[in-house]
Amino acid sequence: MIGVDQASDLCGLAPEVENLRFDVGPTPVYLPLPTSPLIDAGQNDGLAATDQLGNTRIVNGQVDIGSVEFLPGLPVEDLSL
C-alpha cells in the first residue's frame, strides 16, 4: 500500500527494474532485475491467475510485487549503456 509503513513494506529500497520495455508483451512493462527486492515479496491473496504478460502469477511459491513475475531466462535489457 502506498503511504503505509508496515513491517512488510519495502520503504526506502530501489525497486531494481529495467527501463520500460515494449518488446516482451502486448503492453509496456517494467521487468524486475534478478537482484530486485520485489521478487517473491508480495502477498498471494486475491491474485489473478496470470501476470500482465500472461505468465503464471506465482513462481517459487510467492508472488512478486508489481504487475509481472520475474522469470529466469527472460531476456534482460542491457542497462550498462
C-alpha atoms as a PDB file:
ATOM      1  CA  MET A   1       0.000   0.000   0.000  1.00  0.00           C
ATOM      2  CA  ILE A   2       1.301   3.427  -0.855  1.00  0.00           C
ATOM      3  CA  GLY A   3       1.837   5.672   2.143  1.00  0.00           C
ATOM      4  CA  VAL A   4       1.606   2.881   4.702  1.00  0.00           C
ATOM      5  CA  ASP A   5       4.726   1.958   6.646  1.00  0.00           C
ATOM      6  CA  GLN A   6       4.317  -1.589   7.894  1.00  0.00           C
ATOM      7  CA  ALA A   7       6.978  -4.176   8.693  1.00  0.00           C
ATOM      8  CA  SER A   8       6.312  -5.908   5.358  1.00  0.00           C
ATOM      9  CA  ASP A   9       6.728  -2.712   3.279  1.00  0.00           C
ATOM     10  CA  LEU A  10       9.889  -2.138   1.243  1.00  0.00           C
ATOM     11  CA  CYS A  11      10.242   1.541   2.083  1.00  0.00           C
ATOM     12  CA  GLY A  12      13.443   3.256   1.020  1.00  0.00           C
ATOM     13  CA  LEU A  13      14.616   0.489  -1.322  1.00  0.00           C
ATOM     14  CA  ALA A  14      15.245   0.911  -5.047  1.00  0.00           C
ATOM     15  CA  PRO A  15      12.876  -1.372  -6.992  1.00  0.00           C
ATOM     16  CA  GLU A  16      15.679  -2.529  -9.344  1.00  0.00           C
ATOM     17  CA  VAL A  17      13.651  -2.796 -12.533  1.00  0.00           C
ATOM     18  CA  GLU A  18      14.626  -2.461 -16.169  1.00  0.00           C
ATOM     19  CA  ASN A  19      13.807   0.559 -18.281  1.00  0.00           C
ATOM     20  CA  LEU A  20      10.298   0.471 -19.699  1.00  0.00           C
ATOM     21  CA  ARG A  21      10.157  -2.413 -22.191  1.00  0.00           C
ATOM     22  CA  PHE A  22       7.950  -2.504 -25.278  1.00  0.00           C
ATOM     23  CA  ASP A  23       9.283  -5.772 -26.722  1.00  0.00           C
ATOM     24  CA  VAL A  24       8.193  -8.529 -24.327  1.00  0.00           C
ATOM     25  CA  GLY A  25       4.402  -8.473 -24.483  1.00  0.00           C
ATOM     26  CA  PRO A  26       1.274  -6.676 -25.649  1.00  0.00           C
ATOM     27  CA  THR A  27       1.774  -3.763 -23.236  1.00  0.00           C
ATOM     28  CA  PRO A  28       4.816  -1.828 -21.984  1.00  0.00           C
ATOM     29  CA  VAL A  29       6.236  -3.208 -18.761  1.00  0.00           C
ATOM     30  CA  TYR A  30       8.980  -2.677 -16.183  1.00  0.00           C
ATOM     31  CA  LEU A  31      10.609  -6.078 -15.651  1.00  0.00           C
ATOM     32  CA  PRO A  32      12.310  -6.751 -12.313  1.00  0.00           C
ATOM     33  CA  LEU A  33      16.056  -7.318 -12.455  1.00  0.00           C
ATOM     34  CA  PRO A  34      17.383 -10.576 -10.915  1.00  0.00           C
ATOM     35  CA  THR A  35      18.503  -8.624  -7.821  1.00  0.00           C
ATOM     36  CA  SER A  36      15.193  -6.795  -7.301  1.00  0.00           C
ATOM     37  CA  PRO A  37      13.736  -6.786  -3.775  1.00  0.00           C
ATOM     38  CA  LEU A  38      10.300  -7.035  -5.450  1.00  0.00           C
ATOM     39  CA  ILE A  39      10.880 -10.710  -6.294  1.00  0.00           C
ATOM     40  CA  ASP A  40       8.916 -13.070  -4.023  1.00  0.00           C
ATOM     41  CA  ALA A  41       7.946 -10.160  -1.750  1.00  0.00           C
ATOM     42  CA  GLY A  42       4.217  -9.833  -2.453  1.00  0.00           C
ATOM     43  CA  GLN A  43       1.119 -11.269  -0.822  1.00  0.00           C
ATOM     44  CA  ASN A  44      -0.569 -14.213  -2.520  1.00  0.00           C
ATOM     45  CA  ASP A  45      -4.125 -13.217  -1.541  1.00  0.00           C
ATOM     46  CA  GLY A  46      -6.683 -12.394  -4.239  1.00  0.00           C
ATOM     47  CA  LEU A  47      -4.442 -12.631  -7.294  1.00  0.00           C
ATOM     48  CA  ALA A  48      -5.262 -13.067 -10.934  1.00  0.00           C
ATOM     49  CA  ALA A  49      -4.008 -16.372 -12.376  1.00  0.00           C
ATOM     50  CA  THR A  50      -1.642 -14.617 -14.775  1.00  0.00           C
ATOM     51  CA  ASP A  51       0.535 -11.504 -14.774  1.00  0.00           C
ATOM     52  CA  GLN A  52       0.499  -8.573 -17.233  1.00  0.00           C
ATOM     53  CA  LEU A  53       2.349 -10.675 -19.814  1.00  0.00           C
ATOM     54  CA  GLY A  54       0.087 -13.714 -19.448  1.00  0.00           C
ATOM     55  CA  ASN A  55       2.600 -15.777 -17.431  1.00  0.00           C
ATOM     56  CA  THR A  56       1.770 -17.733 -14.279  1.00  0.00           C
ATOM     57  CA  ARG A  57       1.362 -15.237 -11.458  1.00  0.00           C
ATOM     58  CA  ILE A  58       3.102 -17.149  -8.672  1.00  0.00           C
ATOM     59  CA  VAL A  59       6.622 -18.510  -9.226  1.00  0.00           C
ATOM     60  CA  ASN A  60       8.672 -20.009  -6.376  1.00  0.00           C
ATOM     61  CA  GLY A  61       5.612 -20.096  -4.104  1.00  0.00           C
ATOM     62  CA  GLN A  62       5.421 -16.326  -3.541  1.00  0.00           C
ATOM     63  CA  VAL A  63       4.124 -13.595  -5.845  1.00  0.00           C
ATOM     64  CA  ASP A  64       6.381 -10.736  -6.874  1.00  0.00           C
ATOM     65  CA  ILE A  65       5.391  -7.142  -6.167  1.00  0.00           C
ATOM     66  CA  GLY A  66       4.269  -5.454  -9.383  1.00  0.00           C
ATOM     67  CA  SER A  67       2.359  -6.460 -12.479  1.00  0.00           C
ATOM     68  CA  VAL A  68       4.803  -9.112 -13.732  1.00  0.00           C
ATOM     69  CA  GLU A  69       6.613 -12.093 -12.259  1.00  0.00           C
ATOM     70  CA  PHE A  70      10.363 -12.366 -12.582  1.00  0.00           C
ATOM     71  CA  LEU A  71      11.098 -15.315 -14.837  1.00  0.00           C
ATOM     72  CA  PRO A  72      14.667 -16.543 -15.021  1.00  0.00           C
ATOM     73  CA  GLY A  73      15.616 -16.884 -18.667  1.00  0.00           C
ATOM     74  CA  LEU A  74      13.524 -13.960 -19.888  1.00  0.00           C
ATOM     75  CA  PRO A  75      15.952 -11.691 -21.753  1.00  0.00           C
ATOM     76  CA  VAL A  76      17.140  -8.825 -19.565  1.00  0.00           C
ATOM     77  CA  GLU A  77      17.801  -5.481 -21.215  1.00  0.00           C
ATOM     78  CA  ASP A  78      21.440  -4.374 -21.087  1.00  0.00           C
ATOM     79  CA  LEU A  79      21.363  -1.352 -18.773  1.00  0.00           C
ATOM     80  CA  SER A  80      25.102  -0.718 -18.923  1.00  0.00           C
ATOM     81  CA  LEU A  81      24.842   1.617 -21.937  1.00  0.00           C
END
